[in-house]
N, C-alpha and C. Protein backbone atom coordinates (compact mmCIF):
# COMPACT_ATOMS: atom_id res chain seq x y z
N MET A 1 -54.32 26.65 58.01
CA MET A 1 -52.94 27.07 57.90
C MET A 1 -52.81 27.89 56.60
N ASN A 2 -52.22 29.06 56.72
CA ASN A 2 -52.12 29.90 55.52
C ASN A 2 -50.96 29.44 54.64
N ILE A 3 -50.90 30.00 53.46
CA ILE A 3 -49.92 29.58 52.45
C ILE A 3 -48.48 29.83 52.89
N LYS A 4 -48.24 30.94 53.59
CA LYS A 4 -46.88 31.27 54.04
C LYS A 4 -46.36 30.20 55.00
N LYS A 5 -47.20 29.76 55.93
CA LYS A 5 -46.80 28.72 56.89
C LYS A 5 -46.57 27.39 56.18
N LYS A 6 -47.37 27.10 55.18
CA LYS A 6 -47.20 25.85 54.43
C LYS A 6 -45.87 25.85 53.68
N ILE A 7 -45.51 26.99 53.10
CA ILE A 7 -44.25 27.08 52.36
C ILE A 7 -43.07 26.93 53.32
N ILE A 8 -43.14 27.56 54.48
CA ILE A 8 -42.07 27.45 55.47
C ILE A 8 -41.94 26.00 55.95
N LEU A 9 -43.07 25.35 56.23
CA LEU A 9 -43.06 23.96 56.68
C LEU A 9 -42.48 23.04 55.61
N ALA A 10 -42.84 23.25 54.37
CA ALA A 10 -42.30 22.44 53.27
C ALA A 10 -40.80 22.65 53.15
N GLY A 11 -40.34 23.87 53.31
CA GLY A 11 -38.90 24.16 53.26
C GLY A 11 -38.15 23.47 54.38
N LEU A 12 -38.70 23.50 55.58
CA LEU A 12 -38.06 22.83 56.72
C LEU A 12 -37.99 21.32 56.52
N LEU A 13 -39.07 20.73 56.02
CA LEU A 13 -39.08 19.29 55.77
C LEU A 13 -38.07 18.91 54.69
N THR A 14 -37.95 19.72 53.67
CA THR A 14 -36.98 19.47 52.61
C THR A 14 -35.55 19.55 53.16
N ALA A 15 -35.29 20.55 53.99
CA ALA A 15 -33.96 20.70 54.59
C ALA A 15 -33.62 19.52 55.49
N ALA A 16 -34.60 19.05 56.26
CA ALA A 16 -34.37 17.90 57.14
C ALA A 16 -34.06 16.64 56.33
N ALA A 17 -34.80 16.40 55.26
CA ALA A 17 -34.57 15.23 54.41
C ALA A 17 -33.21 15.32 53.73
N SER A 18 -32.83 16.51 53.29
CA SER A 18 -31.53 16.69 52.65
C SER A 18 -30.40 16.43 53.63
N SER A 19 -30.54 16.88 54.86
CA SER A 19 -29.51 16.66 55.89
C SER A 19 -29.34 15.18 56.17
N ALA A 20 -30.43 14.45 56.24
CA ALA A 20 -30.36 13.01 56.50
C ALA A 20 -29.66 12.29 55.35
N ALA A 21 -29.97 12.65 54.13
CA ALA A 21 -29.33 12.03 52.96
C ALA A 21 -27.85 12.38 52.93
N PHE A 22 -27.51 13.60 53.25
CA PHE A 22 -26.12 14.06 53.29
C PHE A 22 -25.34 13.25 54.31
N ALA A 23 -25.89 13.06 55.51
CA ALA A 23 -25.22 12.31 56.57
C ALA A 23 -25.07 10.84 56.21
N ALA A 24 -26.03 10.26 55.52
CA ALA A 24 -25.98 8.85 55.15
C ALA A 24 -24.92 8.59 54.09
N TYR A 25 -24.62 9.58 53.27
CA TYR A 25 -23.67 9.40 52.18
C TYR A 25 -22.23 9.33 52.66
N TYR A 26 -21.88 10.14 53.64
CA TYR A 26 -20.49 10.23 54.07
C TYR A 26 -20.10 9.08 54.98
N PRO A 27 -18.86 8.58 54.85
CA PRO A 27 -18.40 7.47 55.69
C PRO A 27 -18.18 7.91 57.14
N THR A 28 -18.13 6.93 58.03
CA THR A 28 -17.90 7.22 59.44
C THR A 28 -16.43 7.18 59.79
N HIS A 29 -15.61 6.65 58.87
CA HIS A 29 -14.17 6.51 59.14
C HIS A 29 -13.32 6.96 57.95
N TYR A 30 -12.17 7.51 58.27
CA TYR A 30 -11.11 7.78 57.31
C TYR A 30 -10.27 6.51 57.30
N VAL A 31 -10.08 5.91 56.12
CA VAL A 31 -9.40 4.61 56.04
C VAL A 31 -8.23 4.68 55.06
N GLU A 32 -7.05 4.26 55.54
CA GLU A 32 -5.87 4.14 54.67
C GLU A 32 -5.49 2.67 54.61
N ARG A 33 -5.18 2.19 53.41
CA ARG A 33 -4.76 0.79 53.25
C ARG A 33 -3.55 0.71 52.33
N ALA A 34 -2.68 -0.25 52.66
CA ALA A 34 -1.56 -0.61 51.78
C ALA A 34 -1.83 -2.04 51.33
N TYR A 35 -1.73 -2.29 50.03
CA TYR A 35 -1.99 -3.61 49.46
C TYR A 35 -0.66 -4.26 49.10
N TYR A 36 -0.56 -5.55 49.39
CA TYR A 36 0.69 -6.30 49.20
C TYR A 36 0.52 -7.39 48.15
N ALA A 37 1.64 -7.78 47.55
CA ALA A 37 1.64 -8.78 46.47
C ALA A 37 1.25 -10.17 46.97
N ASP A 38 1.65 -10.52 48.20
CA ASP A 38 1.35 -11.86 48.72
C ASP A 38 1.27 -11.82 50.25
N ALA A 39 1.10 -12.98 50.83
CA ALA A 39 0.89 -13.09 52.28
C ALA A 39 2.10 -12.68 53.12
N THR A 40 3.27 -12.61 52.52
CA THR A 40 4.45 -12.17 53.29
C THR A 40 4.38 -10.67 53.60
N MET A 41 3.57 -9.97 52.87
CA MET A 41 3.35 -8.53 53.05
C MET A 41 4.65 -7.74 53.08
N THR A 42 5.48 -8.00 52.07
CA THR A 42 6.75 -7.30 51.96
C THR A 42 6.81 -6.37 50.75
N VAL A 43 6.04 -6.68 49.70
CA VAL A 43 6.07 -5.87 48.48
C VAL A 43 4.72 -5.14 48.33
N VAL A 44 4.76 -3.82 48.46
CA VAL A 44 3.55 -3.01 48.32
C VAL A 44 3.23 -2.85 46.84
N ILE A 45 1.99 -3.16 46.47
CA ILE A 45 1.58 -3.01 45.07
C ILE A 45 0.55 -1.89 44.88
N GLY A 46 0.05 -1.34 45.97
CA GLY A 46 -0.93 -0.27 45.85
C GLY A 46 -1.33 0.29 47.20
N GLU A 47 -2.00 1.41 47.15
CA GLU A 47 -2.50 2.07 48.35
C GLU A 47 -3.85 2.68 48.05
N SER A 48 -4.66 2.84 49.11
CA SER A 48 -5.94 3.53 48.94
C SER A 48 -6.25 4.34 50.19
N THR A 49 -7.01 5.40 50.00
CA THR A 49 -7.45 6.24 51.10
C THR A 49 -8.89 6.64 50.86
N GLN A 50 -9.72 6.46 51.87
CA GLN A 50 -11.08 6.98 51.83
C GLN A 50 -11.16 8.07 52.89
N PHE A 51 -11.47 9.28 52.45
CA PHE A 51 -11.51 10.43 53.33
C PHE A 51 -12.89 10.59 53.96
N CYS A 52 -12.96 11.33 55.05
CA CYS A 52 -14.23 11.58 55.72
C CYS A 52 -15.22 12.31 54.82
N SER A 53 -14.72 13.01 53.83
CA SER A 53 -15.59 13.73 52.90
C SER A 53 -16.28 12.79 51.92
N GLY A 54 -15.83 11.51 51.89
CA GLY A 54 -16.38 10.55 50.94
C GLY A 54 -15.48 10.36 49.74
N ARG A 55 -14.49 11.20 49.57
CA ARG A 55 -13.55 11.09 48.44
C ARG A 55 -12.71 9.83 48.62
N TYR A 56 -12.46 9.12 47.52
CA TYR A 56 -11.69 7.88 47.54
C TYR A 56 -10.55 8.02 46.52
N VAL A 57 -9.33 7.73 46.96
CA VAL A 57 -8.16 7.80 46.09
C VAL A 57 -7.43 6.46 46.14
N GLN A 58 -7.09 5.94 44.96
CA GLN A 58 -6.37 4.66 44.90
C GLN A 58 -5.22 4.79 43.91
N THR A 59 -4.08 4.24 44.31
CA THR A 59 -2.94 4.16 43.39
C THR A 59 -2.50 2.71 43.34
N GLY A 60 -2.00 2.29 42.20
CA GLY A 60 -1.54 0.90 42.06
C GLY A 60 -2.69 -0.08 42.01
N GLU A 61 -2.42 -1.28 42.53
CA GLU A 61 -3.39 -2.37 42.48
C GLU A 61 -3.90 -2.69 43.88
N THR A 62 -5.01 -3.43 43.93
CA THR A 62 -5.51 -3.94 45.20
C THR A 62 -5.31 -5.45 45.23
N SER A 63 -5.34 -6.02 46.42
CA SER A 63 -5.25 -7.47 46.57
C SER A 63 -5.92 -7.85 47.88
N GLN A 64 -6.01 -9.14 48.10
CA GLN A 64 -6.61 -9.61 49.35
C GLN A 64 -5.67 -9.43 50.54
N PHE A 65 -4.42 -9.12 50.27
CA PHE A 65 -3.43 -8.93 51.34
C PHE A 65 -3.24 -7.43 51.58
N HIS A 66 -3.74 -6.99 52.70
CA HIS A 66 -3.63 -5.56 52.98
C HIS A 66 -3.57 -5.29 54.48
N ARG A 67 -3.02 -4.14 54.80
CA ARG A 67 -3.01 -3.62 56.16
C ARG A 67 -3.58 -2.22 56.09
N GLY A 68 -4.23 -1.83 57.15
CA GLY A 68 -4.81 -0.50 57.12
C GLY A 68 -4.93 0.12 58.49
N ILE A 69 -5.33 1.37 58.46
CA ILE A 69 -5.59 2.11 59.68
C ILE A 69 -6.89 2.87 59.47
N ARG A 70 -7.69 2.93 60.51
CA ARG A 70 -8.97 3.62 60.46
C ARG A 70 -8.98 4.72 61.51
N HIS A 71 -9.35 5.90 61.09
CA HIS A 71 -9.53 7.03 62.00
C HIS A 71 -11.02 7.35 61.99
N SER A 72 -11.61 7.42 63.15
CA SER A 72 -13.00 7.85 63.20
C SER A 72 -13.08 9.29 62.72
N CYS A 73 -14.05 9.61 61.95
CA CYS A 73 -14.22 10.98 61.50
C CYS A 73 -14.62 11.90 62.66
N ASN A 74 -15.01 11.30 63.77
CA ASN A 74 -15.44 12.10 64.91
C ASN A 74 -14.72 11.74 66.20
N GLY A 75 -13.60 11.02 66.13
CA GLY A 75 -12.97 10.63 67.38
C GLY A 75 -11.60 10.03 67.23
N PRO A 76 -11.21 9.14 68.17
CA PRO A 76 -9.85 8.58 68.22
C PRO A 76 -9.56 7.56 67.12
N VAL A 77 -8.30 7.20 67.00
CA VAL A 77 -7.82 6.25 66.00
C VAL A 77 -8.18 4.83 66.39
N GLU A 78 -8.57 4.01 65.41
CA GLU A 78 -8.82 2.58 65.61
C GLU A 78 -7.83 1.81 64.76
N ARG A 79 -7.27 0.76 65.27
CA ARG A 79 -6.34 -0.08 64.50
C ARG A 79 -6.85 -1.48 64.39
């Protein structure tokens, strides 16, 4: 195999590995959550959103009491 073919093959293998790592990093779902002060779930103390791009935004506080919605990054809504 000549040097040109080896360089092309190495480039293709690098691109394939990069694509796999890129796909593994991003989440499969867009997730929105509202966090509540207690089990009555009447007072919102914070919110969070995880986007399909992997970006995560949070405002306020988190707690064990939360409600959320999940949207598949590639399909219909899940509740």
